[in-house]
Amino acid sequence: MLRETLASSSSAVDNHPPAEDAWVQTYHRLLPQWRSLPISHQPIIPVSVSRVNQVDAQRLDVEMSAMLKEQLVKVFSLMKPGMLFQYEPELDAFLEFLIWRFSIWVDKPTPGNALMNLRYRDERAVEMRGKVRTGLEGPGLTVAQKLWYCIATVGGQYIWARLQSFSAFRRWGDSEQTPLARRAWTLIQQIEGIFKAASFANLVIFLYSGRYRTLIERALQARLVYGSPHMNRAVSFEYMNRQLVWNEFSEMLLLLLPLLNSSSIKNFLRPFSKDKSSSSGGDETVCPICLLSPTVPFLALPCQHSYCYYCLRTRCSAAPSFRCSRCNEPVIAMQRHGGSIKNITWEK
């Protein structure tokens, strides 16, 4: 009986196909029922972002600003010295604004965040939405968050730097100043102390939870998360280890080599040398002053003994009656061994 019913229904469907807009009618018919269903709030998947990556990203941003500042200062290198120093806060604010304009404002990570595979997301929207699949998705910062980030980082740092330089130049902290100036100086110091204490507390919380590395990020609830779940390392640690070992080894050699006496080492290793002919005639080929083999030997006249040029020249200039170290004969001139320069004399 059931089989006959199914057969009749299938034949009816085959004979009468559904209309083209049947799915639209079904959607509108089921939409009120779907909206009336209670929304199940699933727990947010906890995402753990490396604290080292976040700190390294902040450090890389600082180094990037320093590099841009160095290049910009070179442009004004031919101007009056010290003129750019008085506009240093404006220069720093301008560079920070450029980085913010071409990174955060256009929904792109900063240079340090890009190297560490990090991006900002609005944590408030993630908490309100409730449903997450990987823990890394979520919208970026809103326009208000971007503007407040610029005001706090660029404008706040500029105003604070200018206020500190102005108060230090006016010497508000001196005892002979007016009570209003001293009170303003005390207020500045108190604000700075409170900010440092709050930054330290935020650092402790960041090390514990791994969220919001600065007070500005915590106030705006702008959290750093991974931009991509998979990312290959851009630096080979094998190459880095080899480079570190070579640097340490070269520094050790540069420290130890000047402390070694090369002539004594050669004299110690000479009996173990395979070249016996050179060792037998070493007395005639080695300079008796520096005990080294002369690169360009000069002969002392008239005794014809081999010397280094600088050794023989220095001794003859220092002592007009210099005598040969081998035969104790007075040296009156010197001659280049095997060359065309002969009878190089000097005044006694």
Protein backbone atom coordinates (compact mmCIF):
# COMPACT_ATOMS: atom_id res chain seq x y z
CA MET A 1 0.00 0.00 0.00
CA LEU A 2 2.83 2.38 0.93
CA ARG A 3 4.67 1.48 -2.24
CA GLU A 4 1.61 2.32 -4.32
CA THR A 5 1.24 5.67 -2.56
CA LEU A 6 4.87 6.60 -3.22
CA ALA A 7 4.54 5.53 -6.81
CA SER A 8 1.43 7.65 -7.28
CA SER A 9 3.07 10.69 -5.64
CA SER A 10 6.21 10.35 -7.76
CA SER A 11 4.11 10.09 -10.88
CA ALA A 12 2.20 13.18 -9.84
CA VAL A 13 5.47 15.07 -9.34
CA ASP A 14 6.74 13.90 -12.70
CA ASN A 15 3.56 14.99 -14.37
CA HIS A 16 3.42 18.39 -12.62
CA PRO A 17 6.96 19.94 -12.11
CA PRO A 18 7.28 22.80 -9.59
CA ALA A 19 7.19 26.40 -10.73
CA GLU A 20 10.36 28.35 -11.28
CA ASP A 21 9.73 30.65 -8.31
CA ALA A 22 8.71 27.86 -5.97
CA TRP A 23 11.87 28.22 -3.87
CA VAL A 24 11.16 31.95 -3.43
CA GLN A 25 7.66 31.23 -2.14
CA THR A 26 9.02 28.56 0.18
CA TYR A 27 11.66 30.98 1.50
CA HIS A 28 9.10 33.69 2.28
CA ARG A 29 6.82 31.10 3.90
CA LEU A 30 9.55 29.71 6.20
CA LEU A 31 11.29 33.04 6.99
CA PRO A 32 8.95 34.03 9.88
CA GLN A 33 9.33 30.59 11.45
CA TRP A 34 13.14 30.80 11.17
CA ARG A 35 13.19 34.25 12.78
CA SER A 36 11.02 33.07 15.64
CA LEU A 37 13.50 30.34 16.57
CA PRO A 38 15.75 31.20 19.56
CA ILE A 39 19.33 32.02 18.64
CA SER A 40 21.73 29.59 20.26
CA HIS A 41 24.72 31.36 21.71
CA GLN A 42 27.71 29.17 21.19
CA PRO A 43 30.81 29.76 23.32
CA ILE A 44 33.61 31.73 21.71
CA ILE A 45 36.55 29.58 20.69
CA PRO A 46 39.57 30.81 22.65
CA VAL A 47 42.40 31.90 20.38
CA SER A 48 45.93 32.09 21.71
CA VAL A 49 48.15 34.62 19.96
CA SER A 50 51.85 34.42 20.67
CA ARG A 51 52.97 37.16 23.03
CA VAL A 52 56.43 37.14 21.47
CA ASN A 53 54.96 37.89 18.05
CA GLN A 54 52.98 40.82 19.42
CA VAL A 55 55.99 42.32 21.22
CA ASP A 56 58.23 41.76 18.19
CA ALA A 57 55.66 43.46 15.96
CA GLN A 58 55.67 46.51 18.22
CA ARG A 59 59.48 46.57 18.20
CA LEU A 60 59.55 46.30 14.41
CA ASP A 61 57.16 49.24 14.09
CA VAL A 62 59.48 51.34 16.27
CA GLU A 63 62.50 50.36 14.16
CA MET A 64 60.59 51.15 10.97
CA SER A 65 59.80 54.63 12.28
CA ALA A 66 63.48 55.10 13.20
CA MET A 67 64.56 54.08 9.68
CA LEU A 68 62.11 56.50 8.07
CA LYS A 69 63.25 59.24 10.42
CA GLU A 70 66.90 58.60 9.56
CA GLN A 71 66.19 58.85 5.84
CA LEU A 72 64.18 62.03 6.34
CA VAL A 73 66.91 63.63 8.44
CA LYS A 74 69.44 62.99 5.65
CA VAL A 75 67.35 65.21 3.38
CA PHE A 76 68.03 68.17 5.70
CA SER A 77 71.70 67.30 6.28
CA LEU A 78 72.91 70.40 4.39
CA MET A 79 70.78 72.81 6.40
CA LYS A 80 71.78 74.66 9.54
CA PRO A 81 72.90 72.27 12.30
CA GLY A 82 70.43 71.98 15.14
CA MET A 83 67.53 73.47 13.20
CA LEU A 84 65.76 70.14 12.79
CA PHE A 85 66.18 69.29 16.47
CA GLN A 86 63.58 71.82 17.58
CA TYR A 87 61.01 70.28 15.24
CA GLU A 88 61.67 66.68 16.26
CA PRO A 89 58.20 66.11 17.86
CA GLU A 90 56.50 67.31 14.68
CA LEU A 91 58.72 65.03 12.61
CA ASP A 92 57.89 62.01 14.76
CA ALA A 93 54.18 62.80 14.63
CA PHE A 94 54.31 63.16 10.85
CA LEU A 95 55.98 59.76 10.42
CA GLU A 96 53.55 58.07 12.81
CA PHE A 97 50.65 59.64 10.91
CA LEU A 98 51.97 58.30 7.61
CA ILE A 99 52.26 54.79 9.02
CA TRP A 100 48.73 55.01 10.44
CA ARG A 101 47.29 56.46 7.23
CA PHE A 102 48.62 53.76 4.93
CA SER A 103 48.11 50.80 7.28
CA ILE A 104 45.36 50.98 9.91
CA TRP A 105 43.15 53.52 8.13
CA VAL A 106 42.93 51.36 4.99
CA ASP A 107 42.36 48.13 6.98
CA LYS A 108 45.91 46.88 6.51
CA PRO A 109 48.36 45.75 9.20
CA THR A 110 51.30 47.88 10.22
CA PRO A 111 54.73 46.80 8.90
CA GLY A 112 55.55 44.98 12.14
CA ASN A 113 52.15 43.28 12.29
CA ALA A 114 52.46 42.23 8.65
CA LEU A 115 55.81 40.57 9.30
CA MET A 116 54.37 38.75 12.32
CA ASN A 117 51.13 37.71 10.52
CA LEU A 118 48.95 39.85 12.81
CA ARG A 119 45.99 42.15 12.27
CA TYR A 120 43.60 44.21 14.38
CA ARG A 121 40.01 43.13 14.92
CA ASP A 122 37.11 44.66 16.81
CA GLU A 123 36.73 42.44 19.88
CA ARG A 124 33.36 44.00 20.77
CA ALA A 125 31.77 42.77 17.54
CA VAL A 126 33.12 39.26 18.12
CA GLU A 127 31.72 39.13 21.65
CA MET A 128 28.31 40.41 20.50
CA ARG A 129 28.12 38.06 17.55
CA GLY A 130 28.81 35.00 19.67
CA LYS A 131 29.28 32.54 16.81
CA VAL A 132 32.84 31.84 15.69
CA ARG A 133 34.28 28.90 13.82
CA THR A 134 38.06 29.24 13.99
CA GLY A 135 38.63 31.99 16.55
CA LEU A 136 40.56 34.09 14.00
CA GLU A 137 37.71 35.62 12.03
CA GLY A 138 36.05 38.85 12.93
CA PRO A 139 35.64 42.34 11.49
CA GLY A 140 38.39 44.91 11.50
CA LEU A 141 38.37 48.17 13.38
CA THR A 142 35.54 50.61 12.90
CA VAL A 143 36.04 54.16 11.68
CA ALA A 144 35.64 55.50 15.21
CA GLN A 145 38.25 53.09 16.54
CA LYS A 146 40.69 54.07 13.80
CA LEU A 147 40.24 57.78 14.51
CA TRP A 148 40.61 57.36 18.25
CA TYR A 149 43.71 55.23 17.66
CA CYS A 150 45.24 58.05 15.60
CA ILE A 151 44.30 60.68 18.18
CA ALA A 152 45.76 58.63 21.05
CA THR A 153 48.97 57.46 19.37
CA VAL A 154 49.87 60.34 17.06
CA GLY A 155 48.21 63.32 18.74
CA GLY A 156 48.67 62.14 22.32
CA GLN A 157 52.38 61.43 21.94
CA TYR A 158 52.95 64.74 20.15
CA ILE A 159 51.10 66.81 22.76
CA TRP A 160 52.87 65.04 25.62
CA ALA A 161 56.31 65.49 24.03
CA ARG A 162 55.68 69.17 23.40
CA LEU A 163 54.35 69.70 26.93
CA GLN A 164 57.40 68.06 28.47
CA SER A 165 59.85 70.05 26.34
CA PHE A 166 58.01 73.31 27.03
CA SER A 167 57.89 72.72 30.80
CA ALA A 168 61.55 71.74 30.88
CA PHE A 169 62.54 74.81 28.85
CA ARG A 170 60.50 77.11 31.11
CA ARG A 171 61.85 75.35 34.24
CA TRP A 172 58.50 74.88 35.86
CA GLY A 173 60.02 72.61 38.47
CA ASP A 174 62.42 75.22 39.92
CA SER A 175 61.71 76.57 43.36
CA GLU A 176 61.83 80.22 42.24
CA GLN A 177 58.96 79.75 39.79
CA THR A 178 55.39 80.80 40.47
CA PRO A 179 53.13 78.45 42.46
CA LEU A 180 51.02 77.83 39.35
CA ALA A 181 54.05 76.65 37.34
CA ARG A 182 55.24 74.37 40.14
CA ARG A 183 51.72 72.98 40.51
CA ALA A 184 51.55 72.27 36.78
CA TRP A 185 54.96 70.56 36.93
CA THR A 186 53.79 68.40 39.84
CA LEU A 187 50.63 67.52 37.93
CA ILE A 188 52.67 66.49 34.89
CA GLN A 189 54.88 64.26 37.02
CA GLN A 190 51.86 62.67 38.69
CA ILE A 191 50.18 61.97 35.36
CA GLU A 192 53.36 60.43 34.05
CA GLY A 193 53.68 58.24 37.14
CA ILE A 194 50.06 57.09 36.90
CA PHE A 195 50.50 56.28 33.21
CA LYS A 196 53.65 54.25 33.87
CA ALA A 197 51.95 52.34 36.69
CA ALA A 198 48.93 51.61 34.50
CA SER A 199 51.23 50.51 31.65
CA PHE A 200 53.06 48.16 34.01
CA ALA A 201 49.77 46.69 35.24
CA ASN A 202 48.61 46.26 31.64
CA LEU A 203 51.91 44.51 30.83
CA VAL A 204 51.38 42.03 33.66
CA ILE A 205 47.83 41.34 32.47
CA PHE A 206 49.08 40.99 28.90
CA LEU A 207 51.71 38.45 29.91
CA TYR A 208 49.01 36.48 31.71
CA SER A 209 46.20 36.62 29.13
CA GLY A 210 48.01 37.49 25.87
CA ARG A 211 45.50 40.23 24.96
CA TYR A 212 45.94 44.01 24.55
CA ARG A 213 49.64 44.80 24.74
CA THR A 214 49.04 48.56 25.29
CA LEU A 215 46.54 50.68 27.18
CA ILE A 216 45.22 52.17 23.93
CA GLU A 217 44.40 48.74 22.53
CA ARG A 218 42.65 47.79 25.78
CA ALA A 219 40.61 50.99 25.86
CA LEU A 220 39.53 50.58 22.22
CA GLN A 221 39.21 46.77 22.51
CA ALA A 222 41.35 46.39 19.40
CA ARG A 223 42.88 42.95 19.66
CA LEU A 224 45.70 41.50 17.62
CA VAL A 225 44.91 38.13 16.02
CA TYR A 226 46.53 36.10 13.29
CA GLY A 227 45.76 37.28 9.80
CA SER A 228 46.22 33.82 8.29
CA PRO A 229 45.99 30.46 10.10
CA HIS A 230 49.01 29.15 8.19
CA MET A 231 52.21 31.06 7.56
CA ASN A 232 55.70 29.81 6.74
CA ARG A 233 58.70 31.19 8.53
CA ALA A 234 60.51 33.79 6.45
CA VAL A 235 63.86 33.28 8.22
CA SER A 236 65.87 30.07 8.26
CA PHE A 237 67.08 29.40 11.78
CA GLU A 238 69.86 27.19 10.43
CA TYR A 239 71.36 30.15 8.63
CA MET A 240 70.93 32.35 11.70
CA ASN A 241 72.69 29.81 13.92
CA ARG A 242 75.55 29.50 11.46
CA GLN A 243 75.90 33.26 11.28
CA LEU A 244 75.91 33.61 15.07
CA VAL A 245 78.55 30.90 15.48
CA TRP A 246 80.77 32.48 12.84
CA ASN A 247 80.45 35.94 14.41
CA GLU A 248 81.38 34.64 17.84
CA PHE A 249 84.30 32.65 16.43
CA SER A 250 85.66 35.61 14.46
CA GLU A 251 85.41 37.88 17.51
CA MET A 252 87.31 35.31 19.57
CA LEU A 253 90.06 35.14 16.93
CA LEU A 254 90.32 38.93 16.76
CA LEU A 255 90.74 38.96 20.52
CA LEU A 256 93.35 36.18 20.77
CA LEU A 257 95.52 36.71 17.68
CA PRO A 258 97.07 40.02 18.81
CA LEU A 259 98.10 38.34 22.06
CA LEU A 260 100.10 35.62 20.29
CA ASN A 261 103.77 36.01 19.35
CA SER A 262 104.02 34.84 15.76
CA SER A 263 107.81 34.60 15.74
CA SER A 264 107.91 32.37 18.81
CA ILE A 265 105.24 30.13 17.31
CA LYS A 266 107.23 29.82 14.09
CA ASN A 267 110.39 29.01 16.01
CA PHE A 268 108.50 26.37 17.98
CA LEU A 269 107.05 24.76 14.85
CA ARG A 270 110.22 24.98 12.75
CA PRO A 271 111.73 21.64 14.01
CA PHE A 272 108.53 19.86 12.97
CA SER A 273 108.56 21.34 9.47
CA LYS A 274 109.11 18.96 6.53
CA ASP A 275 111.21 21.52 4.62
CA LYS A 276 114.64 20.83 6.16
CA SER A 277 116.53 22.87 3.56
CA SER A 278 114.78 26.08 4.52
CA SER A 279 115.39 25.45 8.22
CA SER A 280 119.10 24.88 7.69
CA GLY A 281 119.56 28.21 5.96
CA GLY A 282 117.18 30.10 8.18
CA ASP A 283 119.89 32.24 9.72
CA GLU A 284 120.65 33.87 6.39
CA THR A 285 117.05 34.34 5.15
CA VAL A 286 115.46 35.62 8.38
CA CYS A 287 115.81 39.26 9.39
CA PRO A 288 117.87 39.34 12.59
CA ILE A 289 115.85 42.27 13.96
CA CYS A 290 112.22 41.10 13.63
CA LEU A 291 113.04 37.39 13.18
CA LEU A 292 110.76 37.17 10.13
CA SER A 293 111.40 36.36 6.50
CA PRO A 294 111.56 39.67 4.57
CA THR A 295 108.95 40.02 1.86
CA VAL A 296 111.21 42.33 -0.16
CA PRO A 297 114.69 41.73 1.28
CA PHE A 298 117.34 44.45 1.33
CA LEU A 299 121.04 43.74 1.79
CA ALA A 300 123.18 45.62 4.22
CA LEU A 301 126.37 46.92 2.59
CA PRO A 302 129.11 45.89 2.71
CA CYS A 303 128.28 42.73 4.68
CA GLN A 304 125.49 41.57 2.27
CA HIS A 305 123.21 40.27 5.04
CA SER A 306 119.44 40.24 4.41
CA TYR A 307 117.18 42.62 6.35
CA CYS A 308 113.66 43.99 6.18
CA TYR A 309 113.61 47.45 4.65
CA TYR A 310 111.76 49.09 7.52
CA CYS A 311 113.88 47.37 10.17
CA LEU A 312 117.14 48.42 8.54
CA ARG A 313 115.92 51.90 7.68
CA THR A 314 114.66 52.54 11.22
CA ARG A 315 117.83 51.33 12.90
CA CYS A 316 120.11 53.32 10.60
CA SER A 317 118.05 56.47 11.06
CA ALA A 318 118.05 56.08 14.84
CA ALA A 319 121.77 55.26 15.15
CA PRO A 320 124.19 56.77 12.59
CA SER A 321 126.82 54.18 13.54
CA PHE A 322 124.54 51.15 13.26
CA ARG A 323 126.35 47.83 12.96
CA CYS A 324 125.05 44.63 11.40
CA SER A 325 123.44 42.29 13.91
CA ARG A 326 125.15 39.26 12.35
CA CYS A 327 128.73 40.32 11.74
CA ASN A 328 128.94 43.54 13.78
CA GLU A 329 130.19 45.42 10.70
CA PRO A 330 129.21 49.10 10.21
CA VAL A 331 126.43 49.52 7.64
CA ILE A 332 127.12 52.29 5.14
CA ALA A 333 124.34 51.61 2.58
CA MET A 334 121.74 49.04 1.59
CA GLN A 335 120.85 47.37 -1.67
CA ARG A 336 117.60 45.75 -2.86
CA HIS A 337 118.12 42.04 -3.28
CA GLY A 338 117.67 40.98 -6.92
CA GLY A 339 116.39 44.40 -8.02
CA SER A 340 117.58 47.31 -10.06
CA ILE A 341 117.64 49.75 -7.16
CA LYS A 342 121.14 49.87 -5.71
CA ASN A 343 123.14 51.87 -3.26
CA ILE A 344 120.23 53.43 -1.41
CA THR A 345 122.09 55.62 1.04
CA TRP A 346 121.11 58.10 3.69
CA GLU A 347 122.84 60.93 5.46
CA LYS A 348 124.68 60.02 8.62
